[in-house]
Amino acid sequence: MSSELELLKQQVAELQELVKRQSLIISKTGQNVLELQVARQKAGVEAFGKAPASKSGSQVEAADYATNEDLVQLVGELQGQLENIEERSIRRLVNSTKSDPKDLISPLPNSDAEIPAEGFFPRSLEEFERISDTALYKLAKFYELLPPSLKEQEQFEDYLEGKVEEFHISEIKDEEVEKELKKYSSDQLEDVFNDVARYLGLKLRRGTSTW
């Protein structure tokens, strides 16, 4: 019992440290962006004051500088990322306490703050332990724990080029998943299972992995 308590304390400390590091990174990124915008605005104002106004290159372009709306949007996006990180950390912590096969597990939001739909995510430890390779692959894709396939790369390029309006890497048909699974050995699938378990904060492992 004491060893489990120590392990739980260690996991809590690791999660707290992870949240702290990620929060600092996001905060620093926001600060750097704001400093860059201020510097660009200052340089533009100085250039505008020294050169006569004209319709050519000396005229200050309003689109080159950040507006209040831009900064508000940036702060909102950064705040959203912080909240998503915190939400995942809390749910991981809750999941790390689960031990009975019937215990319900909490679904985590992915990087886009999306929660997996009901039926897509295993409800209990028992369901997760018995998850099929197809469902496991889809779940790993949802959390971006697997590299994109060639077809997914092509679909993403179409999205960037404006050929399609939406792109969701986790939306894969079963027949496509079956083709991709043939490229994985049993050991590799065990690694995928363990990666998903770690991401969710679960203690379940397959194979010889102990952490």
Protein backbone atom coordinates (compact mmCIF):
# COMPACT_ATOMS: atom_id res chain seq x y z
CA MET A 1 0.00 0.00 0.00
CA SER A 2 2.81 2.39 0.91
CA SER A 3 4.57 1.70 -2.40
CA GLU A 4 1.38 2.49 -4.33
CA LEU A 5 0.98 5.72 -2.36
CA GLU A 6 4.55 6.73 -3.11
CA LEU A 7 4.02 5.94 -6.80
CA LEU A 8 0.86 8.06 -6.83
CA LYS A 9 2.68 10.95 -5.14
CA GLN A 10 5.45 10.67 -7.73
CA GLN A 11 2.92 10.73 -10.59
CA VAL A 12 1.22 13.78 -9.09
CA ALA A 13 4.56 15.57 -8.79
CA GLU A 14 5.45 14.70 -12.38
CA LEU A 15 2.10 15.98 -13.65
CA GLN A 16 2.48 19.21 -11.68
CA GLU A 17 5.96 19.73 -13.09
CA LEU A 18 4.71 19.04 -16.62
CA VAL A 19 1.91 21.59 -16.29
CA LYS A 20 4.38 24.12 -14.87
CA ARG A 21 6.83 23.65 -17.75
CA GLN A 22 4.15 23.81 -20.42
CA SER A 23 2.58 26.88 -18.82
CA LEU A 24 5.95 28.65 -18.83
CA ILE A 25 6.52 27.75 -22.48
CA ILE A 26 3.12 29.07 -23.56
CA SER A 27 3.50 32.22 -21.45
CA LYS A 28 6.96 32.86 -22.90
CA THR A 29 5.63 32.34 -26.42
CA GLY A 30 2.89 34.90 -25.81
CA GLN A 31 5.40 37.37 -24.38
CA ASN A 32 7.71 36.95 -27.39
CA VAL A 33 4.87 37.52 -29.83
CA LEU A 34 3.75 40.66 -28.01
CA GLU A 35 7.32 42.01 -27.91
CA LEU A 36 7.68 41.37 -31.64
CA GLN A 37 4.43 43.18 -32.41
CA VAL A 38 5.43 46.17 -30.26
CA ALA A 39 8.84 46.36 -31.96
CA ARG A 40 7.23 46.25 -35.41
CA GLN A 41 4.77 48.97 -34.48
CA LYS A 42 7.53 51.18 -33.09
CA ALA A 43 9.66 50.73 -36.20
CA GLY A 44 6.69 51.52 -38.41
CA VAL A 45 5.85 54.70 -36.51
CA GLU A 46 9.47 55.91 -36.70
CA ALA A 47 9.63 55.21 -40.42
CA PHE A 48 6.33 57.00 -40.94
CA GLY A 49 7.59 60.09 -39.09
CA LYS A 50 10.83 60.34 -41.09
CA ALA A 51 9.53 59.77 -44.60
CA PRO A 52 6.89 61.85 -46.42
CA ALA A 53 3.56 60.16 -46.89
CA SER A 54 2.89 58.88 -50.36
CA LYS A 55 0.91 56.20 -52.11
CA SER A 56 4.08 54.19 -52.64
CA GLY A 57 6.13 52.09 -50.21
CA SER A 58 6.52 54.83 -47.57
CA GLN A 59 2.88 54.63 -46.48
CA VAL A 60 2.30 52.60 -43.33
CA GLU A 61 0.19 49.53 -43.99
CA ALA A 62 -2.29 48.95 -41.18
CA ALA A 63 -2.31 45.23 -41.95
CA ASP A 64 1.36 45.00 -40.91
CA TYR A 65 0.63 45.73 -37.27
CA ALA A 66 -1.29 44.00 -34.56
CA THR A 67 -4.65 45.41 -33.56
CA ASN A 68 -6.25 45.10 -30.16
CA GLU A 69 -8.47 42.39 -31.58
CA ASP A 70 -5.39 40.44 -32.72
CA LEU A 71 -3.86 40.60 -29.25
CA VAL A 72 -7.11 39.64 -27.56
CA GLN A 73 -7.42 36.66 -29.89
CA LEU A 74 -3.82 35.63 -29.19
CA VAL A 75 -4.30 35.82 -25.43
CA GLY A 76 -7.53 33.86 -25.76
CA GLU A 77 -5.82 31.12 -27.75
CA LEU A 78 -2.99 30.85 -25.23
CA GLN A 79 -5.45 30.75 -22.36
CA GLY A 80 -7.36 28.01 -24.14
CA GLN A 81 -4.18 25.95 -24.49
CA LEU A 82 -3.43 26.37 -20.79
CA GLU A 83 -6.94 25.29 -19.84
CA ASN A 84 -6.67 22.24 -22.12
CA ILE A 85 -3.35 21.24 -20.54
CA GLU A 86 -4.82 21.63 -17.06
CA GLU A 87 -7.92 19.61 -17.99
CA ARG A 88 -5.80 16.74 -19.32
CA SER A 89 -3.61 16.78 -16.21
CA ILE A 90 -6.62 16.60 -13.88
CA ARG A 91 -8.17 13.72 -15.80
CA ARG A 92 -4.84 11.85 -15.92
CA LEU A 93 -4.56 12.22 -12.18
CA VAL A 94 -8.07 10.83 -11.71
CA ASN A 95 -7.33 7.91 -14.05
CA SER A 96 -4.10 7.09 -12.21
CA THR A 97 -6.13 6.19 -9.12
CA LYS A 98 -8.21 3.57 -10.95
CA SER A 99 -7.36 -0.06 -10.17
CA ASP A 100 -10.55 -2.14 -10.23
CA PRO A 101 -11.48 -3.55 -13.67
CA LYS A 102 -14.97 -2.07 -13.32
CA ASP A 103 -13.66 1.42 -12.52
CA LEU A 104 -14.76 4.04 -15.03
CA ILE A 105 -11.99 5.97 -16.75
CA SER A 106 -12.14 9.59 -17.79
CA PRO A 107 -11.64 10.49 -21.47
CA LEU A 108 -8.99 13.15 -22.10
CA PRO A 109 -9.32 15.98 -24.62
CA ASN A 110 -6.88 15.85 -27.52
CA SER A 111 -4.68 18.71 -28.71
CA ASP A 112 -7.74 20.36 -30.32
CA ALA A 113 -9.64 20.15 -27.01
CA GLU A 114 -11.96 17.52 -28.50
CA ILE A 115 -13.42 14.84 -26.22
CA PRO A 116 -13.86 11.39 -27.84
CA ALA A 117 -17.48 10.52 -28.57
CA GLU A 118 -19.38 7.95 -26.55
CA GLY A 119 -18.71 4.48 -27.92
CA PHE A 120 -15.34 5.55 -29.29
CA PHE A 121 -13.63 5.67 -25.90
CA PRO A 122 -13.54 2.62 -23.55
CA ARG A 123 -15.67 3.24 -20.47
CA SER A 124 -13.78 1.15 -17.91
CA LEU A 125 -10.35 -0.31 -17.19
CA GLU A 126 -11.69 -3.68 -18.25
CA GLU A 127 -12.85 -2.34 -21.62
CA PHE A 128 -9.55 -0.60 -22.21
CA GLU A 129 -7.57 -3.73 -21.31
CA ARG A 130 -9.60 -5.72 -23.86
CA ILE A 131 -9.60 -3.03 -26.55
CA SER A 132 -9.32 -4.35 -30.10
CA ASP A 133 -6.38 -3.43 -32.31
CA THR A 134 -8.69 -1.45 -34.59
CA ALA A 135 -10.17 0.59 -31.74
CA LEU A 136 -6.71 1.05 -30.20
CA TYR A 137 -5.32 2.35 -33.49
CA LYS A 138 -8.18 4.84 -33.84
CA LEU A 139 -7.74 6.02 -30.26
CA ALA A 140 -4.00 6.49 -30.77
CA LYS A 141 -4.75 8.49 -33.91
CA PHE A 142 -7.27 10.64 -32.06
CA TYR A 143 -4.57 11.59 -29.56
CA GLU A 144 -1.94 11.96 -32.31
CA LEU A 145 0.27 9.26 -30.81
CA LEU A 146 0.96 7.69 -34.22
CA PRO A 147 2.61 9.25 -37.28
CA PRO A 148 0.27 10.12 -40.18
CA SER A 149 -0.08 7.60 -42.98
CA LEU A 150 0.70 8.47 -46.60
CA LYS A 151 -3.00 8.91 -47.34
CA GLU A 152 -3.43 11.19 -44.34
CA GLN A 153 -0.50 13.31 -45.50
CA GLU A 154 -2.16 13.66 -48.91
CA GLN A 155 -5.48 14.60 -47.28
CA PHE A 156 -3.70 17.20 -45.15
CA GLU A 157 -2.07 18.70 -48.25
CA ASP A 158 -5.51 18.93 -49.88
CA TYR A 159 -6.75 20.73 -46.78
CA LEU A 160 -3.86 23.22 -46.89
CA GLU A 161 -4.52 23.85 -50.58
CA GLY A 162 -8.19 24.53 -49.88
CA LYS A 163 -9.46 21.47 -51.74
CA VAL A 164 -11.35 20.29 -48.64
CA GLU A 165 -12.89 22.41 -45.88
CA GLU A 166 -12.17 20.10 -42.93
CA PHE A 167 -9.50 17.60 -41.98
CA HIS A 168 -9.67 15.23 -39.01
CA ILE A 169 -6.84 12.74 -38.76
CA SER A 170 -8.81 10.51 -36.39
CA GLU A 171 -11.66 9.90 -38.86
CA ILE A 172 -10.47 6.67 -40.46
CA LYS A 173 -12.55 3.88 -41.96
CA ASP A 174 -12.13 0.39 -40.54
CA GLU A 175 -10.83 -1.03 -43.83
CA GLU A 176 -8.11 1.62 -43.92
CA VAL A 177 -7.19 0.82 -40.32
CA GLU A 178 -6.92 -2.88 -41.16
CA LYS A 179 -4.43 -2.08 -43.93
CA GLU A 180 -2.34 0.05 -41.60
CA LEU A 181 -2.39 -2.58 -38.83
CA LYS A 182 -0.69 -5.07 -41.14
CA LYS A 183 2.40 -2.86 -40.95
CA TYR A 184 2.62 -3.32 -37.16
CA SER A 185 4.11 -6.28 -35.32
CA SER A 186 2.63 -7.58 -32.08
CA ASP A 187 5.44 -5.88 -30.13
CA GLN A 188 4.73 -2.57 -31.85
CA LEU A 189 1.03 -2.84 -31.02
CA GLU A 190 1.97 -3.47 -27.40
CA ASP A 191 3.97 -0.25 -27.50
CA VAL A 192 0.97 1.60 -28.96
CA PHE A 193 -1.24 0.25 -26.16
CA ASN A 194 1.28 1.35 -23.54
CA ASP A 195 1.66 4.79 -25.11
CA VAL A 196 -2.10 5.33 -25.01
CA ALA A 197 -2.26 4.04 -21.43
CA ARG A 198 0.48 6.48 -20.35
CA TYR A 199 -1.25 9.34 -22.13
CA LEU A 200 -4.47 8.58 -20.27
CA GLY A 201 -2.66 8.19 -16.93
CA LEU A 202 -3.55 4.49 -16.61
CA LYS A 203 -1.31 1.90 -14.94
CA LEU A 204 -2.23 -0.91 -17.34
CA ARG A 205 0.63 -2.23 -19.49
CA ARG A 206 1.15 -4.93 -22.07
CA GLY A 207 4.33 -6.91 -22.61
CA THR A 208 7.35 -6.30 -20.41
CA SER A 209 6.99 -2.52 -20.08
CA THR A 210 6.98 -1.45 -16.42
CA TRP A 211 6.51 2.32 -16.64
